[in-house]
Amino acid sequence: MDYLQAALSEALRLYPSVPLDHKEVVEDDIFPDGTILKKGTKVIYAIYSMGRTEAIWGKDCRDYKPERWLRSSDGRFMSEPAYKFTAFNGGPRLCLGKDFAYYQMKFVAASIIYRYHVKVVEHHPVEPKLALTMYMKHGLKVTLQRRDHADRQKLINSIGD
């Protein structure tokens, strides 16, 4: 399931469930760059923009590339630091449900992919809608074609390769 986890992480990097977040400073502090933060200051950060920032993710930051999450030596999934990949927050506020969320996403994706070929309807506009939580502006219209037994077996055999 390493590649599936990489694919999900890459999707969340580009399309985080919560595209914008904020924190409140509880005591005077200083950012590493010298910015002074006074108690009560609101700090807003754009998770959506951070996932597309070249300084953080490299020149191909706008490309959907699950391979960026896999070690080149053995193809195993490698996570990124929570302050780089902020889809589940970071530090003492790291989402307690992160592992469960990945489990659910993997279960649903594997269940659907095992049973169906999934294709986005041709010419359907795929566009995110930025709000408190991100969703698809026009929904995501797909066609499902049921896999037969031989096709499912072929899929299972390809996973072992």
N, C-alpha and C. Protein backbone atom coordinates (compact mmCIF):
# COMPACT_ATOMS: atom_id res chain seq x y z
N MET A 1 0.81 -1.21 0.00
CA MET A 1 0.00 0.00 0.00
C MET A 1 0.85 1.27 0.00
N ASP A 2 2.16 1.13 -0.19
CA ASP A 2 3.03 2.31 -0.19
C ASP A 2 2.66 3.30 -1.29
N TYR A 3 2.42 2.77 -2.51
CA TYR A 3 2.10 3.69 -3.61
C TYR A 3 0.75 4.36 -3.37
N LEU A 4 -0.22 3.64 -2.85
CA LEU A 4 -1.52 4.24 -2.56
C LEU A 4 -1.38 5.33 -1.52
N GLN A 5 -0.59 5.09 -0.48
CA GLN A 5 -0.37 6.14 0.54
C GLN A 5 0.32 7.35 -0.08
N ALA A 6 1.27 7.10 -0.99
CA ALA A 6 1.95 8.20 -1.68
C ALA A 6 0.97 8.98 -2.55
N ALA A 7 0.10 8.27 -3.25
CA ALA A 7 -0.89 8.93 -4.11
C ALA A 7 -1.86 9.78 -3.28
N LEU A 8 -2.28 9.26 -2.15
CA LEU A 8 -3.19 10.01 -1.27
C LEU A 8 -2.48 11.23 -0.67
N SER A 9 -1.24 11.05 -0.24
CA SER A 9 -0.48 12.17 0.33
C SER A 9 -0.27 13.27 -0.70
N GLU A 10 0.03 12.87 -1.92
CA GLU A 10 0.24 13.84 -2.99
C GLU A 10 -1.06 14.59 -3.30
N ALA A 11 -2.18 13.88 -3.29
CA ALA A 11 -3.48 14.54 -3.50
C ALA A 11 -3.75 15.53 -2.37
N LEU A 12 -3.44 15.16 -1.15
CA LEU A 12 -3.66 16.07 -0.01
C LEU A 12 -2.68 17.24 -0.02
N ARG A 13 -1.49 17.03 -0.56
CA ARG A 13 -0.54 18.13 -0.68
C ARG A 13 -1.10 19.21 -1.61
N LEU A 14 -1.65 18.79 -2.72
CA LEU A 14 -2.19 19.74 -3.70
C LEU A 14 -3.60 20.21 -3.38
N TYR A 15 -4.38 19.35 -2.74
CA TYR A 15 -5.78 19.67 -2.43
C TYR A 15 -6.09 19.30 -0.99
N PRO A 16 -5.54 20.06 -0.04
CA PRO A 16 -5.78 19.74 1.38
C PRO A 16 -7.25 19.92 1.76
N SER A 17 -7.74 19.08 2.65
CA SER A 17 -9.14 19.17 3.08
C SER A 17 -9.45 20.53 3.68
N VAL A 18 -8.52 21.08 4.43
CA VAL A 18 -8.65 22.41 5.01
C VAL A 18 -7.58 23.28 4.36
N PRO A 19 -7.96 24.15 3.40
CA PRO A 19 -6.96 24.90 2.63
C PRO A 19 -6.31 26.08 3.35
N LEU A 20 -6.92 26.53 4.43
CA LEU A 20 -6.42 27.70 5.15
C LEU A 20 -6.63 27.47 6.64
N ASP A 21 -5.63 27.79 7.45
CA ASP A 21 -5.77 27.58 8.89
C ASP A 21 -5.18 28.79 9.62
N HIS A 22 -5.47 28.90 10.88
CA HIS A 22 -4.92 30.00 11.68
C HIS A 22 -4.62 29.51 13.09
N LYS A 23 -3.72 30.23 13.71
CA LYS A 23 -3.36 29.98 15.11
C LYS A 23 -3.33 31.33 15.82
N GLU A 24 -3.40 31.29 17.14
CA GLU A 24 -3.28 32.51 17.94
C GLU A 24 -2.08 32.36 18.86
N VAL A 25 -1.27 33.39 18.89
CA VAL A 25 -0.06 33.39 19.72
C VAL A 25 -0.49 33.49 21.19
N VAL A 26 -0.04 32.53 22.02
CA VAL A 26 -0.44 32.51 23.43
C VAL A 26 0.54 33.27 24.33
N GLU A 27 1.76 33.49 23.86
CA GLU A 27 2.72 34.33 24.57
C GLU A 27 3.69 34.93 23.56
N ASP A 28 4.25 36.06 23.88
CA ASP A 28 5.18 36.72 22.95
C ASP A 28 6.22 35.72 22.46
N ASP A 29 6.53 35.82 21.17
CA ASP A 29 7.48 34.88 20.57
C ASP A 29 8.15 35.56 19.38
N ILE A 30 9.15 34.90 18.83
CA ILE A 30 9.85 35.42 17.66
C ILE A 30 10.01 34.28 16.66
N PHE A 31 9.60 34.54 15.40
CA PHE A 31 9.81 33.56 14.32
C PHE A 31 11.30 33.44 14.05
N PRO A 32 11.73 32.32 13.47
CA PRO A 32 13.16 32.14 13.15
C PRO A 32 13.74 33.25 12.28
N ASP A 33 12.89 33.91 11.46
CA ASP A 33 13.40 34.99 10.59
C ASP A 33 13.48 36.34 11.32
N GLY A 34 13.12 36.34 12.61
CA GLY A 34 13.21 37.57 13.39
C GLY A 34 11.88 38.30 13.56
N THR A 35 10.82 37.85 12.93
CA THR A 35 9.51 38.48 13.07
C THR A 35 9.03 38.34 14.52
N ILE A 36 8.65 39.46 15.11
CA ILE A 36 8.18 39.47 16.50
C ILE A 36 6.67 39.23 16.51
N LEU A 37 6.26 38.31 17.34
CA LEU A 37 4.84 37.97 17.49
C LEU A 37 4.41 38.30 18.91
N LYS A 38 3.42 39.15 19.02
CA LYS A 38 2.88 39.53 20.32
C LYS A 38 1.73 38.61 20.71
N LYS A 39 1.58 38.37 21.99
CA LYS A 39 0.48 37.56 22.50
C LYS A 39 -0.84 38.06 21.92
N GLY A 40 -1.68 37.12 21.45
CA GLY A 40 -2.98 37.47 20.89
C GLY A 40 -2.97 37.66 19.37
N THR A 41 -1.78 37.72 18.78
CA THR A 41 -1.68 37.87 17.32
C THR A 41 -2.23 36.62 16.63
N LYS A 42 -3.00 36.83 15.57
CA LYS A 42 -3.49 35.71 14.76
C LYS A 42 -2.50 35.49 13.63
N VAL A 43 -2.09 34.24 13.44
CA VAL A 43 -1.20 33.86 12.35
C VAL A 43 -2.00 32.96 11.42
N ILE A 44 -2.13 33.40 10.18
CA ILE A 44 -2.88 32.63 9.18
C ILE A 44 -1.88 32.03 8.21
N TYR A 45 -2.05 30.77 7.88
CA TYR A 45 -1.20 30.14 6.89
C TYR A 45 -2.06 29.39 5.87
N ALA A 46 -1.64 29.47 4.62
CA ALA A 46 -2.40 28.90 3.51
C ALA A 46 -1.81 27.54 3.13
N ILE A 47 -2.42 26.49 3.63
CA ILE A 47 -1.96 25.12 3.36
C ILE A 47 -2.02 24.84 1.86
N TYR A 48 -3.07 25.33 1.21
CA TYR A 48 -3.23 25.15 -0.24
C TYR A 48 -2.04 25.76 -0.99
N SER A 49 -1.65 26.95 -0.63
CA SER A 49 -0.52 27.62 -1.29
C SER A 49 0.81 26.96 -0.94
N MET A 50 0.95 26.54 0.31
CA MET A 50 2.19 25.89 0.72
C MET A 50 2.47 24.63 -0.10
N GLY A 51 1.42 23.90 -0.47
CA GLY A 51 1.57 22.70 -1.27
C GLY A 51 2.01 22.98 -2.69
N ARG A 52 1.97 24.24 -3.09
CA ARG A 52 2.36 24.66 -4.44
C ARG A 52 3.54 25.63 -4.41
N THR A 53 4.29 25.61 -3.34
CA THR A 53 5.41 26.54 -3.18
C THR A 53 6.72 25.86 -3.58
N GLU A 54 7.38 26.45 -4.57
CA GLU A 54 8.62 25.89 -5.10
C GLU A 54 9.71 25.78 -4.04
N ALA A 55 9.80 26.76 -3.16
CA ALA A 55 10.83 26.74 -2.11
C ALA A 55 10.64 25.55 -1.16
N ILE A 56 9.43 25.04 -1.05
CA ILE A 56 9.14 23.92 -0.17
C ILE A 56 9.21 22.59 -0.91
N TRP A 57 8.62 22.52 -2.11
CA TRP A 57 8.44 21.25 -2.82
C TRP A 57 9.26 21.11 -4.10
N GLY A 58 9.97 22.14 -4.50
CA GLY A 58 10.80 22.03 -5.70
C GLY A 58 10.11 22.56 -6.96
N LYS A 59 10.85 22.55 -8.05
CA LYS A 59 10.36 23.13 -9.31
C LYS A 59 9.09 22.44 -9.83
N ASP A 60 8.91 21.17 -9.53
CA ASP A 60 7.73 20.45 -10.00
C ASP A 60 6.59 20.49 -8.98
N CYS A 61 6.55 21.53 -8.16
CA CYS A 61 5.59 21.62 -7.05
C CYS A 61 4.13 21.62 -7.51
N ARG A 62 3.85 22.00 -8.72
CA ARG A 62 2.46 22.03 -9.19
C ARG A 62 2.04 20.72 -9.85
N ASP A 63 2.98 19.81 -10.02
CA ASP A 63 2.70 18.53 -10.66
C ASP A 63 2.25 17.49 -9.64
N TYR A 64 1.27 16.70 -10.03
CA TYR A 64 0.84 15.57 -9.21
C TYR A 64 1.83 14.44 -9.46
N LYS A 65 2.63 14.14 -8.44
CA LYS A 65 3.73 13.19 -8.61
C LYS A 65 3.87 12.35 -7.33
N PRO A 66 3.11 11.27 -7.21
CA PRO A 66 3.19 10.43 -6.00
C PRO A 66 4.59 9.92 -5.71
N GLU A 67 5.41 9.79 -6.75
CA GLU A 67 6.77 9.26 -6.56
C GLU A 67 7.61 10.11 -5.61
N ARG A 68 7.25 11.38 -5.43
CA ARG A 68 8.03 12.24 -4.52
C ARG A 68 7.96 11.72 -3.08
N TRP A 69 6.99 10.86 -2.79
CA TRP A 69 6.80 10.32 -1.45
C TRP A 69 7.43 8.94 -1.28
N LEU A 70 8.07 8.43 -2.33
CA LEU A 70 8.64 7.08 -2.27
C LEU A 70 10.16 7.14 -2.29
N ARG A 71 10.81 6.33 -1.46
CA ARG A 71 12.27 6.26 -1.47
C ARG A 71 12.72 5.64 -2.78
N SER A 72 13.72 6.24 -3.40
CA SER A 72 14.21 5.72 -4.68
C SER A 72 14.89 4.36 -4.50
N SER A 73 15.42 4.09 -3.32
CA SER A 73 16.15 2.84 -3.09
C SER A 73 15.24 1.60 -3.08
N ASP A 74 14.05 1.73 -2.47
CA ASP A 74 13.21 0.54 -2.34
C ASP A 74 11.73 0.78 -2.62
N GLY A 75 11.36 2.01 -2.99
CA GLY A 75 9.96 2.30 -3.31
C GLY A 75 9.03 2.37 -2.12
N ARG A 76 9.58 2.39 -0.91
CA ARG A 76 8.76 2.47 0.30
C ARG A 76 8.32 3.91 0.54
N PHE A 77 7.14 4.06 1.15
CA PHE A 77 6.61 5.39 1.47
C PHE A 77 7.49 6.06 2.51
N MET A 78 7.76 7.33 2.31
CA MET A 78 8.48 8.11 3.32
C MET A 78 7.68 9.38 3.59
N SER A 79 7.37 9.60 4.84
CA SER A 79 6.59 10.78 5.20
C SER A 79 7.48 12.02 5.21
N GLU A 80 6.83 13.14 5.16
CA GLU A 80 7.52 14.43 5.24
C GLU A 80 7.25 15.03 6.62
N PRO A 81 8.13 15.94 7.07
CA PRO A 81 7.89 16.58 8.36
C PRO A 81 6.53 17.31 8.37
N ALA A 82 5.87 17.29 9.52
CA ALA A 82 4.53 17.88 9.65
C ALA A 82 4.51 19.38 9.36
N TYR A 83 5.64 20.07 9.51
CA TYR A 83 5.65 21.50 9.21
C TYR A 83 5.92 21.77 7.74
N LYS A 84 6.25 20.73 6.99
CA LYS A 84 6.37 20.84 5.53
C LYS A 84 5.05 20.41 4.89
N PHE A 85 4.52 19.29 5.32
CA PHE A 85 3.24 18.75 4.84
C PHE A 85 2.21 18.98 5.94
N THR A 86 1.49 20.08 5.83
CA THR A 86 0.63 20.54 6.93
C THR A 86 -0.83 20.13 6.80
N ALA A 87 -1.13 19.20 5.91
CA ALA A 87 -2.53 18.79 5.72
C ALA A 87 -3.17 18.25 7.00
N PHE A 88 -2.35 17.74 7.92
CA PHE A 88 -2.86 17.22 9.19
C PHE A 88 -2.36 18.04 10.37
N ASN A 89 -1.99 19.30 10.11
CA ASN A 89 -1.47 20.20 11.12
C ASN A 89 -0.05 19.77 11.50
N GLY A 90 0.47 20.28 12.60
CA GLY A 90 1.84 19.94 12.98
C GLY A 90 2.08 20.17 14.45
N GLY A 91 3.21 19.69 14.93
CA GLY A 91 3.61 19.90 16.32
C GLY A 91 2.62 19.30 17.29
N PRO A 92 2.37 20.00 18.42
CA PRO A 92 1.46 19.46 19.43
C PRO A 92 0.00 19.42 18.96
N ARG A 93 -0.29 20.04 17.82
CA ARG A 93 -1.66 20.06 17.28
C ARG A 93 -1.83 19.08 16.12
N LEU A 94 -0.89 18.14 15.95
CA LEU A 94 -0.99 17.15 14.89
C LEU A 94 -2.31 16.39 15.05
N CYS A 95 -3.03 16.21 13.97
CA CYS A 95 -4.34 15.57 13.97
C CYS A 95 -4.26 14.17 14.58
N LEU A 96 -5.05 13.93 15.61
CA LEU A 96 -5.06 12.62 16.26
C LEU A 96 -5.65 11.55 15.35
N GLY A 97 -6.47 11.96 14.38
CA GLY A 97 -7.11 11.01 13.48
C GLY A 97 -6.37 10.78 12.18
N LYS A 98 -5.13 11.27 12.09
CA LYS A 98 -4.37 11.15 10.83
C LYS A 98 -4.27 9.70 10.36
N ASP A 99 -3.82 8.81 11.20
CA ASP A 99 -3.67 7.41 10.80
C ASP A 99 -5.00 6.79 10.42
N PHE A 100 -6.05 7.11 11.18
CA PHE A 100 -7.38 6.58 10.87
C PHE A 100 -7.88 7.13 9.54
N ALA A 101 -7.61 8.41 9.27
CA ALA A 101 -8.02 9.03 8.00
C ALA A 101 -7.35 8.31 6.83
N TYR A 102 -6.04 8.05 6.94
CA TYR A 102 -5.35 7.31 5.88
C TYR A 102 -5.93 5.91 5.72
N TYR A 103 -6.23 5.25 6.85
CA TYR A 103 -6.82 3.92 6.79
C TYR A 103 -8.14 3.96 6.03
N GLN A 104 -8.99 4.92 6.35
CA GLN A 104 -10.29 5.05 5.68
C GLN A 104 -10.11 5.32 4.18
N MET A 105 -9.21 6.25 3.84
CA MET A 105 -8.99 6.58 2.43
C MET A 105 -8.49 5.36 1.66
N LYS A 106 -7.56 4.62 2.25
CA LYS A 106 -7.03 3.42 1.59
C LYS A 106 -8.11 2.36 1.42
N PHE A 107 -8.91 2.17 2.45
CA PHE A 107 -9.98 1.16 2.39
C PHE A 107 -10.97 1.49 1.29
N VAL A 108 -11.43 2.74 1.24
CA VAL A 108 -12.41 3.15 0.23
C VAL A 108 -11.80 3.06 -1.17
N ALA A 109 -10.59 3.60 -1.34
CA ALA A 109 -9.95 3.57 -2.66
C ALA A 109 -9.74 2.14 -3.12
N ALA A 110 -9.20 1.29 -2.26
CA ALA A 110 -8.94 -0.10 -2.64
C ALA A 110 -10.24 -0.84 -2.96
N SER A 111 -11.29 -0.59 -2.20
CA SER A 111 -12.58 -1.25 -2.44
C SER A 111 -13.16 -0.86 -3.79
N ILE A 112 -13.07 0.41 -4.12
CA ILE A 112 -13.62 0.89 -5.41
C ILE A 112 -12.76 0.41 -6.57
N ILE A 113 -11.44 0.57 -6.45
CA ILE A 113 -10.53 0.18 -7.54
C ILE A 113 -10.60 -1.32 -7.79
N TYR A 114 -10.78 -2.12 -6.76
CA TYR A 114 -10.88 -3.56 -6.90
C TYR A 114 -12.12 -3.95 -7.73
N ARG A 115 -13.20 -3.22 -7.54
CA ARG A 115 -14.47 -3.58 -8.18
C ARG A 115 -14.75 -2.87 -9.50
N TYR A 116 -14.15 -1.68 -9.70
CA TYR A 116 -14.52 -0.87 -10.86
C TYR A 116 -13.32 -0.23 -11.55
N HIS A 117 -13.49 0.02 -12.84
CA HIS A 117 -12.64 0.94 -13.58
C HIS A 117 -13.31 2.30 -13.40
N VAL A 118 -12.56 3.30 -12.98
CA VAL A 118 -13.13 4.63 -12.72
C VAL A 118 -12.53 5.62 -13.71
N LYS A 119 -13.41 6.35 -14.41
CA LYS A 119 -12.93 7.36 -15.36
C LYS A 119 -13.73 8.64 -15.17
N VAL A 120 -13.02 9.76 -15.13
CA VAL A 120 -13.69 11.06 -15.05
C VAL A 120 -14.41 11.29 -16.37
N VAL A 121 -15.65 11.78 -16.31
CA VAL A 121 -16.43 12.05 -17.51
C VAL A 121 -15.68 13.06 -18.36
N GLU A 122 -15.56 12.76 -19.66
CA GLU A 122 -14.82 13.62 -20.58
C GLU A 122 -15.42 15.04 -20.59
N HIS A 123 -14.56 16.02 -20.57
CA HIS A 123 -14.91 17.45 -20.60
C HIS A 123 -15.61 17.94 -19.32
N HIS A 124 -15.64 17.11 -18.29
CA HIS A 124 -16.22 17.57 -17.02
C HIS A 124 -15.21 18.51 -16.35
N PRO A 125 -15.63 19.71 -15.96
CA PRO A 125 -14.67 20.64 -15.33
C PRO A 125 -14.29 20.17 -13.93
N VAL A 126 -13.00 19.94 -13.74
CA VAL A 126 -12.49 19.52 -12.43
C VAL A 126 -11.83 20.74 -11.81
N GLU A 127 -12.51 21.31 -10.83
CA GLU A 127 -12.05 22.57 -10.26
C GLU A 127 -12.37 22.60 -8.77
N PRO A 128 -11.36 22.86 -7.94
CA PRO A 128 -11.64 22.90 -6.50
C PRO A 128 -12.37 24.18 -6.11
N LYS A 129 -13.12 24.10 -5.04
CA LYS A 129 -13.81 25.26 -4.48
C LYS A 129 -13.20 25.49 -3.10
N LEU A 130 -12.53 26.63 -2.95
CA LEU A 130 -11.90 26.95 -1.67
C LEU A 130 -12.95 27.49 -0.71
N ALA A 131 -13.07 26.85 0.42
CA ALA A 131 -13.98 27.27 1.48
C ALA A 131 -13.33 26.84 2.79
N LEU A 132 -14.09 26.79 3.87
CA LEU A 132 -13.53 26.32 5.13
C LEU A 132 -12.93 24.93 4.93
N THR A 133 -13.68 24.08 4.24
CA THR A 133 -13.15 22.80 3.78
C THR A 133 -13.22 22.81 2.26
N MET A 134 -12.27 22.14 1.62
CA MET A 134 -12.23 22.16 0.16
C MET A 134 -13.12 21.06 -0.41
N TYR A 135 -13.81 21.40 -1.47
CA TYR A 135 -14.61 20.41 -2.19
C TYR A 135 -14.57 20.74 -3.67
N MET A 136 -15.18 19.91 -4.49
CA MET A 136 -15.17 20.11 -5.93
C MET A 136 -16.29 21.08 -6.32
N LYS A 137 -15.95 22.12 -7.05
CA LYS A 137 -16.90 23.16 -7.44
C LYS A 137 -18.08 22.57 -8.22
N HIS A 138 -17.82 21.62 -9.09
CA HIS A 138 -18.87 21.02 -9.92
C HIS A 138 -19.07 19.54 -9.58
N GLY A 139 -18.65 19.13 -8.40
CA GLY A 139 -18.67 17.71 -8.07
C GLY A 139 -17.61 17.00 -8.91
N LEU A 140 -17.59 15.71 -8.86
CA LEU A 140 -16.66 14.95 -9.69
C LEU A 140 -17.45 13.83 -10.37
N LYS A 141 -17.81 14.08 -11.62
CA LYS A 141 -18.60 13.11 -12.37
C LYS A 141 -17.68 12.06 -12.97
N VAL A 142 -17.98 10.81 -12.66
CA VAL A 142 -17.19 9.69 -13.17
C VAL A 142 -18.12 8.62 -13.71
N THR A 143 -17.55 7.75 -14.53
CA THR A 143 -18.26 6.55 -14.94
C THR A 143 -17.57 5.37 -14.27
N LEU A 144 -18.36 4.41 -13.88
CA LEU A 144 -17.85 3.19 -13.26
C LEU A 144 -18.18 2.02 -14.17
N GLN A 145 -17.17 1.23 -14.44
CA GLN A 145 -17.38 0.01 -15.21
C GLN A 145 -16.94 -1.15 -14.33
N ARG A 146 -17.87 -2.06 -14.06
CA ARG A 146 -17.59 -3.18 -13.16
C ARG A 146 -16.48 -4.06 -13.74
N ARG A 147 -15.53 -4.42 -12.88
CA ARG A 147 -14.46 -5.36 -13.27
C ARG A 147 -15.02 -6.78 -13.19
N ASP A 148 -14.66 -7.61 -14.15
CA ASP A 148 -15.06 -9.02 -14.06
C ASP A 148 -14.02 -9.77 -13.21
N HIS A 149 -14.29 -11.03 -12.94
CA HIS A 149 -13.41 -11.83 -12.06
C HIS A 149 -11.98 -11.88 -12.60
N ALA A 150 -11.82 -12.10 -13.89
CA ALA A 150 -10.47 -12.20 -14.49
C ALA A 150 -9.72 -10.87 -14.35
N ASP A 151 -10.44 -9.78 -14.54
CA ASP A 151 -9.82 -8.45 -14.43
C ASP A 151 -9.38 -8.18 -12.99
N ARG A 152 -10.22 -8.58 -12.02
CA ARG A 152 -9.86 -8.40 -10.61
C ARG A 152 -8.64 -9.23 -10.26
N GLN A 153 -8.59 -10.46 -10.77
CA GLN A 153 -7.45 -11.34 -10.51
C GLN A 153 -6.17 -10.75 -11.10
N LYS A 154 -6.28 -10.20 -12.30
CA LYS A 154 -5.13 -9.55 -12.95
C LYS A 154 -4.64 -8.37 -12.11
N LEU A 155 -5.59 -7.61 -11.56
CA LEU A 155 -5.25 -6.47 -10.71
C LEU A 155 -4.51 -6.94 -9.46
N ILE A 156 -4.99 -7.99 -8.83
CA ILE A 156 -4.36 -8.53 -7.62
C ILE A 156 -2.95 -9.00 -7.94
N ASN A 157 -2.78 -9.70 -9.05
CA ASN A 157 -1.46 -10.20 -9.45
C ASN A 157 -0.49 -9.07 -9.74
N SER A 158 -0.99 -7.95 -10.28
CA SER A 158 -0.10 -6.82 -10.59
C SER A 158 0.39 -6.11 -9.33
N ILE A 159 -0.36 -6.21 -8.26
CA ILE A 159 0.03 -5.58 -7.00
C ILE A 159 1.28 -6.26 -6.43
N GLY A 160 1.39 -7.54 -6.62
CA GLY A 160 2.55 -8.27 -6.12
C GLY A 160 3.83 -7.99 -6.90
N ASP A 161 3.70 -7.44 -8.10
CA ASP A 161 4.88 -7.19 -8.95
C ASP A 161 5.70 -6.02 -8.49
